[in-house]
Protein backbone atom coordinates (compact mmCIF):
# COMPACT_ATOMS: atom_id res chain seq x y z
CA MET A 1 0.00 0.00 0.00
CA THR A 2 1.18 3.52 -0.77
CA PRO A 3 0.71 6.25 1.86
CA VAL A 4 -1.62 9.04 0.84
CA THR A 5 -1.73 12.61 2.05
CA THR A 6 -5.42 13.22 2.65
CA THR A 7 -7.65 13.48 5.66
CA GLY A 8 -9.94 10.63 6.53
CA LEU A 9 -7.22 8.01 6.78
CA SER A 10 -7.86 4.66 8.43
CA VAL A 11 -5.55 4.66 11.43
CA LEU A 12 -4.77 1.97 13.98
CA PHE A 13 -3.24 2.84 17.35
CA ILE A 14 -1.67 0.02 19.34
CA GLY A 15 -1.91 1.49 22.82
CA GLY A 16 -3.90 4.68 22.76
CA SER A 17 -4.53 5.71 26.36
CA GLY A 18 -1.03 6.76 27.37
CA VAL A 19 0.47 10.24 27.72
CA ILE A 20 1.38 10.76 24.08
CA SER A 21 -1.08 8.37 22.48
CA SER A 22 -4.19 9.85 24.08
CA ALA A 23 -3.36 13.33 22.83
CA ALA A 24 -2.62 11.93 19.37
CA ALA A 25 -5.92 10.02 19.41
CA GLU A 26 -7.88 13.18 20.19
CA LEU A 27 -6.18 15.09 17.38
CA ALA A 28 -6.46 12.26 14.86
CA VAL A 29 -10.23 12.08 15.40
CA ALA A 30 -10.52 15.88 15.31
CA ARG A 31 -8.79 15.89 11.92
CA GLY A 32 -11.24 13.42 10.49
CA HIS A 33 -9.22 10.21 10.56
CA ARG A 34 -11.04 6.94 11.20
CA LEU A 35 -9.33 5.71 14.34
CA THR A 36 -9.23 2.20 15.75
CA VAL A 37 -7.53 1.70 19.12
CA LEU A 38 -6.24 -1.72 20.11
CA ASN A 39 -5.19 -2.17 23.74
CA ARG A 40 -5.85 -4.12 26.92
CA GLY A 41 -8.19 -1.52 28.37
CA GLN A 42 -8.50 2.19 28.98
CA SER A 43 -6.34 4.05 31.43
CA ALA A 44 -8.01 5.22 34.60
CA LEU A 45 -6.63 8.71 33.87
CA ARG A 46 -7.29 9.07 30.13
CA THR A 47 -10.09 7.99 27.82
CA VAL A 48 -10.20 7.04 24.16
CA PRO A 49 -12.28 9.45 22.02
CA ASP A 50 -15.91 8.41 21.63
CA ALA A 51 -15.55 8.41 17.85
CA ALA A 52 -12.80 5.78 17.93
CA GLU A 53 -13.39 2.07 17.54
CA VAL A 54 -11.91 0.17 20.49
CA LEU A 55 -10.65 -3.41 20.30
CA THR A 56 -9.80 -4.81 23.73
CA VAL A 57 -6.96 -7.25 23.13
CA ASP A 58 -3.72 -8.22 24.83
CA VAL A 59 -1.27 -6.65 22.39
CA ARG A 60 1.39 -9.21 23.35
CA ASP A 61 -0.82 -12.10 22.23
CA ALA A 62 -0.07 -12.31 18.50
CA SER A 63 -2.83 -14.80 17.81
CA ALA A 64 -5.39 -12.64 19.63
CA VAL A 65 -4.28 -9.58 17.69
CA ALA A 66 -4.51 -11.48 14.40
CA ALA A 67 -7.98 -12.74 15.30
CA ALA A 68 -9.19 -9.25 16.25
CA LEU A 69 -7.89 -7.63 13.07
CA GLY A 70 -8.38 -10.42 10.57
CA GLU A 71 -7.47 -9.22 7.09
CA ARG A 72 -8.16 -5.56 7.81
CA THR A 73 -5.80 -3.03 6.31
CA PHE A 74 -4.93 0.46 7.50
CA ASP A 75 -3.40 3.53 5.95
CA VAL A 76 -1.42 4.13 9.15
CA VAL A 77 -0.49 1.89 12.08
CA VAL A 78 1.15 3.47 15.14
CA ASP A 79 2.59 1.26 17.87
CA PHE A 80 2.99 3.24 21.10
CA VAL A 81 3.87 0.20 23.21
CA ALA A 82 6.61 -1.54 21.22
CA PHE A 83 9.73 -1.57 23.39
CA THR A 84 11.87 -4.46 22.13
CA PRO A 85 12.97 -6.07 18.85
CA GLU A 86 10.55 -8.90 19.57
CA HIS A 87 7.65 -6.47 19.76
CA VAL A 88 8.41 -4.90 16.37
CA SER A 89 9.07 -8.28 14.78
CA ALA A 90 5.56 -9.32 15.78
CA ASP A 91 4.23 -6.12 14.19
CA ILE A 92 6.11 -6.77 10.95
CA ALA A 93 4.59 -10.24 10.78
CA GLN A 94 1.11 -8.84 11.45
CA PHE A 95 1.14 -5.74 9.24
CA ALA A 96 3.40 -6.48 6.27
CA GLY A 97 1.27 -5.77 3.22
CA LYS A 98 -1.58 -4.52 5.41
CA CYS A 99 -0.60 -0.91 6.09
CA GLY A 100 0.64 2.03 4.11
CA GLN A 101 2.74 3.42 6.94
CA TYR A 102 3.91 1.85 10.18
CA VAL A 103 4.99 4.36 12.83
CA PHE A 104 7.37 3.21 15.56
CA ILE A 105 7.57 5.37 18.66
CA SER A 106 11.23 5.16 19.58
CA SER A 107 12.93 7.56 22.01
CA ALA A 108 15.27 10.54 21.87
CA SER A 109 17.13 8.85 24.73
CA ALA A 110 18.50 6.56 22.01
CA TYR A 111 20.71 9.38 20.77
CA GLN A 112 24.38 9.35 21.72
CA LYS A 113 24.94 9.90 25.45
CA PRO A 114 26.66 12.11 26.23
CA PRO A 115 25.91 13.91 22.96
CA GLY A 116 28.99 14.81 20.96
CA ALA A 117 27.40 18.06 19.80
CA LEU A 118 24.28 20.14 20.26
CA PRO A 119 21.67 20.53 18.95
CA ILE A 120 20.78 16.87 18.55
CA ARG A 121 19.60 15.99 15.04
CA GLU A 122 18.41 12.81 13.36
CA SER A 123 21.99 12.37 12.11
CA THR A 124 23.28 12.18 15.70
CA PRO A 125 24.55 8.63 16.34
CA LEU A 126 22.37 6.23 18.30
CA ARG A 127 24.25 4.96 21.35
CA ASN A 128 23.27 4.81 24.99
CA PRO A 129 25.45 2.55 27.15
CA TYR A 130 23.64 3.61 30.34
CA TRP A 131 20.02 2.57 29.78
CA GLN A 132 18.65 -0.77 28.58
CA TYR A 133 15.35 0.85 27.59
CA SER A 134 17.19 3.02 25.07
CA ARG A 135 19.27 0.13 23.74
CA ASP A 136 16.08 -1.87 23.19
CA LYS A 137 14.58 1.01 21.25
CA ILE A 138 17.72 1.20 19.08
CA ALA A 139 17.55 -2.53 18.45
CA GLY A 140 13.88 -2.18 17.47
CA GLU A 141 14.80 0.56 15.00
CA ASP A 142 17.48 -1.70 13.52
CA VAL A 143 14.97 -4.50 12.93
CA LEU A 144 12.49 -2.15 11.29
CA MET A 145 15.03 -0.43 9.06
CA ALA A 146 16.32 -3.80 7.90
CA ALA A 147 12.74 -4.77 7.03
CA TYR A 148 12.37 -1.50 5.11
CA ARG A 149 15.59 -2.03 3.16
CA ASP A 150 15.04 -5.73 2.47
CA GLU A 151 11.28 -5.98 2.11
CA GLY A 152 9.95 -2.44 1.73
CA PHE A 153 8.17 -2.50 5.09
CA PRO A 154 6.88 1.10 5.31
CA VAL A 155 8.33 2.24 8.62
CA THR A 156 8.55 5.77 10.01
CA VAL A 157 10.58 6.16 13.21
CA ILE A 158 9.60 8.86 15.73
CA ARG A 159 11.91 9.92 18.56
CA PRO A 160 10.16 11.95 21.27
CA SER A 161 12.03 13.25 24.27
CA HIS A 162 10.46 13.93 27.68
CA THR A 163 6.76 14.36 26.86
CA TYR A 164 4.22 15.04 29.60
CA ASP A 165 0.57 15.90 30.10
CA ARG A 166 -1.51 17.31 32.92
CA THR A 167 -1.55 13.96 34.75
CA GLN A 168 2.23 13.88 35.15
CA ILE A 169 4.75 15.79 37.23
CA ALA A 170 7.89 15.79 35.10
CA LEU A 171 10.31 15.62 38.03
CA LEU A 172 12.34 12.66 39.21
CA GLY A 173 10.34 12.58 42.44
CA GLY A 174 6.96 13.24 40.83
CA TRP A 175 4.30 14.51 43.25
CA THR A 176 6.64 13.79 46.17
CA ASP A 177 8.84 16.66 44.96
CA ILE A 178 5.82 18.98 44.78
CA HIS A 179 4.83 18.00 48.32
CA ARG A 180 8.34 18.72 49.55
CA MET A 181 8.37 22.16 47.95
CA ARG A 182 4.93 23.03 49.27
CA THR A 183 5.96 22.02 52.78
CA GLY A 184 9.29 23.86 52.64
CA GLN A 185 11.49 20.75 52.49
CA PRO A 186 14.62 20.71 50.31
CA VAL A 187 14.49 18.97 46.95
CA VAL A 188 17.35 17.09 45.32
CA VAL A 189 18.55 18.04 41.84
CA HIS A 190 21.18 16.02 40.00
CA GLY A 191 24.59 17.47 39.20
CA ASP A 192 24.87 21.22 39.58
CA GLY A 193 21.40 21.88 38.20
CA THR A 194 22.65 23.56 35.02
CA SER A 195 22.21 20.76 32.48
CA LEU A 196 19.62 21.77 29.89
CA TRP A 197 16.44 19.78 29.44
CA THR A 198 13.65 19.83 26.86
CA LEU A 199 10.06 19.17 27.93
CA THR A 200 7.26 18.77 25.39
CA HIS A 201 3.54 18.87 26.09
CA SER A 202 1.66 15.90 24.66
CA THR A 203 -0.76 18.09 22.70
CA ASP A 204 2.18 19.75 20.94
CA PHE A 205 3.83 16.42 20.18
CA ALA A 206 0.56 15.21 18.65
CA LYS A 207 0.56 18.01 16.08
CA ALA A 208 3.76 16.75 14.45
CA LEU A 209 2.96 13.06 14.84
CA VAL A 210 -0.51 13.26 13.29
CA GLY A 211 0.85 15.67 10.68
CA LEU A 212 3.16 12.92 9.42
CA PHE A 213 0.34 10.43 8.88
CA GLY A 214 0.10 9.36 5.27
CA ARG A 215 3.15 11.28 4.10
CA SER A 216 5.12 9.11 1.69
CA GLN A 217 8.23 11.25 2.28
CA ALA A 218 8.28 10.05 5.89
CA VAL A 219 8.53 6.35 5.02
CA GLY A 220 11.97 4.87 5.59
CA ASP A 221 13.02 7.87 7.65
CA SER A 222 13.27 9.05 11.26
CA PHE A 223 12.08 12.22 12.95
CA THR A 224 12.71 13.90 16.27
CA ILE A 225 9.61 15.57 17.74
CA THR A 226 10.17 17.88 20.70
CA SER A 227 9.58 21.41 21.84
CA ASP A 228 12.17 24.06 21.02
CA GLU A 229 12.02 25.26 24.64
CA TYR A 230 14.73 24.14 27.03
CA LEU A 231 15.60 25.04 30.61
CA PRO A 232 18.25 24.09 33.19
CA TRP A 233 16.96 21.68 35.82
CA ASP A 234 17.15 24.25 38.63
CA ALA A 235 14.81 26.47 36.61
CA ILE A 236 12.44 23.55 35.97
CA TYR A 237 12.09 22.98 39.71
CA ALA A 238 11.59 26.72 40.23
CA GLU A 239 8.84 26.76 37.57
CA TYR A 240 7.05 23.91 39.33
CA ALA A 241 7.34 25.71 42.66
CA ARG A 242 5.74 28.82 41.15
CA ALA A 243 2.98 26.74 39.58
CA ALA A 244 2.33 25.06 42.94
CA GLY A 245 2.23 28.33 44.83
CA ALA A 246 5.27 27.24 46.84
CA PRO A 247 8.20 29.39 47.90
CA ALA A 248 11.38 29.31 45.84
CA PRO A 249 12.71 25.78 46.32
CA THR A 250 15.65 24.96 48.53
CA ILE A 251 17.77 22.85 46.17
CA VAL A 252 20.39 20.33 47.22
CA HIS A 253 22.70 19.36 44.37
CA VAL A 254 23.88 15.75 44.37
CA ALA A 255 26.08 14.00 41.80
CA SER A 256 24.08 11.84 39.40
CA ASP A 257 26.24 8.79 40.12
CA THR A 258 25.57 9.20 43.84
CA MET A 259 21.84 9.45 43.28
CA ALA A 260 21.82 6.37 41.05
CA ALA A 261 23.77 4.42 43.66
CA GLU A 262 21.25 5.44 46.34
CA ASN A 263 18.26 4.50 44.16
CA PRO A 264 19.06 2.02 41.34
CA ASP A 265 15.68 2.75 39.73
CA TRP A 266 17.08 6.16 38.80
CA SER A 267 20.15 4.76 37.09
CA GLY A 268 18.83 4.46 33.53
CA PRO A 269 16.65 7.59 33.36
CA LEU A 270 19.25 9.70 35.14
CA LEU A 271 22.60 8.47 33.83
CA GLY A 272 21.17 7.56 30.44
CA ASP A 273 19.14 10.72 29.86
CA ARG A 274 18.41 13.49 32.36
CA SER A 275 21.96 14.21 33.49
CA HIS A 276 22.96 15.22 29.95
CA SER A 277 22.06 18.51 28.28
CA VAL A 278 19.66 17.95 25.39
CA ILE A 279 18.63 20.54 22.82
CA PHE A 280 16.94 19.30 19.66
CA ASP A 281 16.69 20.51 16.09
CA ASN A 282 13.12 19.97 14.85
CA GLY A 283 13.79 21.30 11.37
CA LYS A 284 13.36 17.95 9.68
CA VAL A 285 9.83 17.25 10.93
CA ARG A 286 8.86 20.88 10.42
CA ALA A 287 9.83 20.62 6.75
CA LEU A 288 7.05 18.05 6.29
CA VAL A 289 4.66 19.50 8.88
CA PRO A 290 5.19 23.26 8.56
CA ASP A 291 2.31 24.06 10.94
CA PHE A 292 4.04 22.21 13.79
CA VAL A 293 4.33 24.92 16.43
CA CYS A 294 4.51 24.22 20.15
CA THR A 295 2.06 26.45 21.99
CA THR A 296 2.22 25.07 25.55
CA PRO A 297 5.33 26.39 27.30
CA VAL A 298 6.35 24.68 30.51
CA ALA A 299 5.07 27.58 32.62
CA LEU A 300 1.56 26.94 31.30
CA GLY A 301 1.86 23.13 31.19
CA PHE A 302 3.05 22.99 34.79
CA ARG A 303 0.17 25.19 36.00
CA GLU A 304 -2.30 22.94 34.20
CA ALA A 305 -0.75 19.86 35.83
CA ILE A 306 -0.83 21.35 39.32
CA ALA A 307 -4.44 22.40 38.81
CA TRP A 308 -5.33 18.86 37.74
CA PHE A 309 -3.62 17.32 40.77
CA ASP A 310 -5.28 19.82 43.09
CA ALA A 311 -8.63 18.79 41.59
CA HIS A 312 -7.73 15.10 42.06
CA PRO A 313 -6.36 14.80 45.60
CA GLU A 314 -6.39 11.00 45.32
CA GLN A 315 -3.53 11.36 42.83
CA GLN A 316 -1.39 13.36 45.27
CA VAL A 317 0.58 10.33 46.39
CA VAL A 318 3.68 10.95 48.48
CA ASP A 319 6.02 7.98 48.13
CA SER A 320 7.30 7.32 51.64
CA ALA A 321 10.28 5.24 50.49
CA LEU A 322 11.27 7.87 47.95
CA ASN A 323 10.80 10.60 50.52
CA ALA A 324 13.16 8.76 52.88
CA THR A 325 15.73 8.43 50.10
CA LEU A 326 15.55 12.15 49.42
CA ASP A 327 15.94 12.87 53.14
CA ARG A 328 19.07 10.74 53.26
CA LEU A 329 20.57 12.51 50.25
CA VAL A 330 19.78 15.92 51.72
CA ALA A 331 21.32 14.97 55.04
CA ALA A 332 24.48 13.65 53.40
CA HIS A 333 25.18 16.70 51.22
CA ALA A 334 25.80 20.00 52.91
CA THR A 335 25.92 22.30 49.87
CA VAL A 336 22.48 23.88 49.66
CA SER A 337 21.55 26.62 47.21
């Protein structure tokens, strides 16, 4: 099948109720695409648009997926929950000859860490020795690009960076960090707080993603999709404090290696991503989607998130184990700014 560049495409989302997929689903329906969502069930926090067809299937059960879809074909298939080479291999087997464009959601964390140069572009090498998640995404890209070269499988690779919506606090400690700032407790920031970070609102990401649907020029290629706004981590914490109506945060800087040793769950996301400055060049995607403009700066996105959490007190979960870890790090490091 050859991708077309019209509205009213038949689109399949695998996933569809996550941070980036739910925003993309809303926009796809709004733009007149016929959307089918295949997943195990809706998120408690996000809903699939009423206009979408929903197929409730375990996406890891290849026979169940095949039974649910039969011989149906789609102009565009987007897999939001493919994380390993095995996942994309199953998709190739299912959708070869049955879709005009297969979109793989990879990750900007796959780019070289630390980056050899900024801004990061699609030509930046893919290498992340610190995070298995990123290496699995790279391996998935390799499988898909081989299928494109050898068999013409119509893949488009998308690399988002840190994308958030109103239901997420984009800090390492999540709501626990907001609680600490609101109660005047110090927060821990990795390194010296000056590494630059790019945060993208899900509704902005969706504009570029949906804008690439059906574009034949995007097949066999990869695209970074992020905001052009970047801030140092100290400023990100300060923006959240302002949004939360908290005083300026008391920040304790701790080496990333030390933090990862204290909490191994932080190792990949911190050493393999957040501790490095990342600035992205979005010129390539903008050349195909010229109306891609990010209109939700972090100051607005953070206020929306805090308002949502304040309206949903049941989501204001303070992680006691995490809080204890942060207390230990604060106590062990005297330099406070």
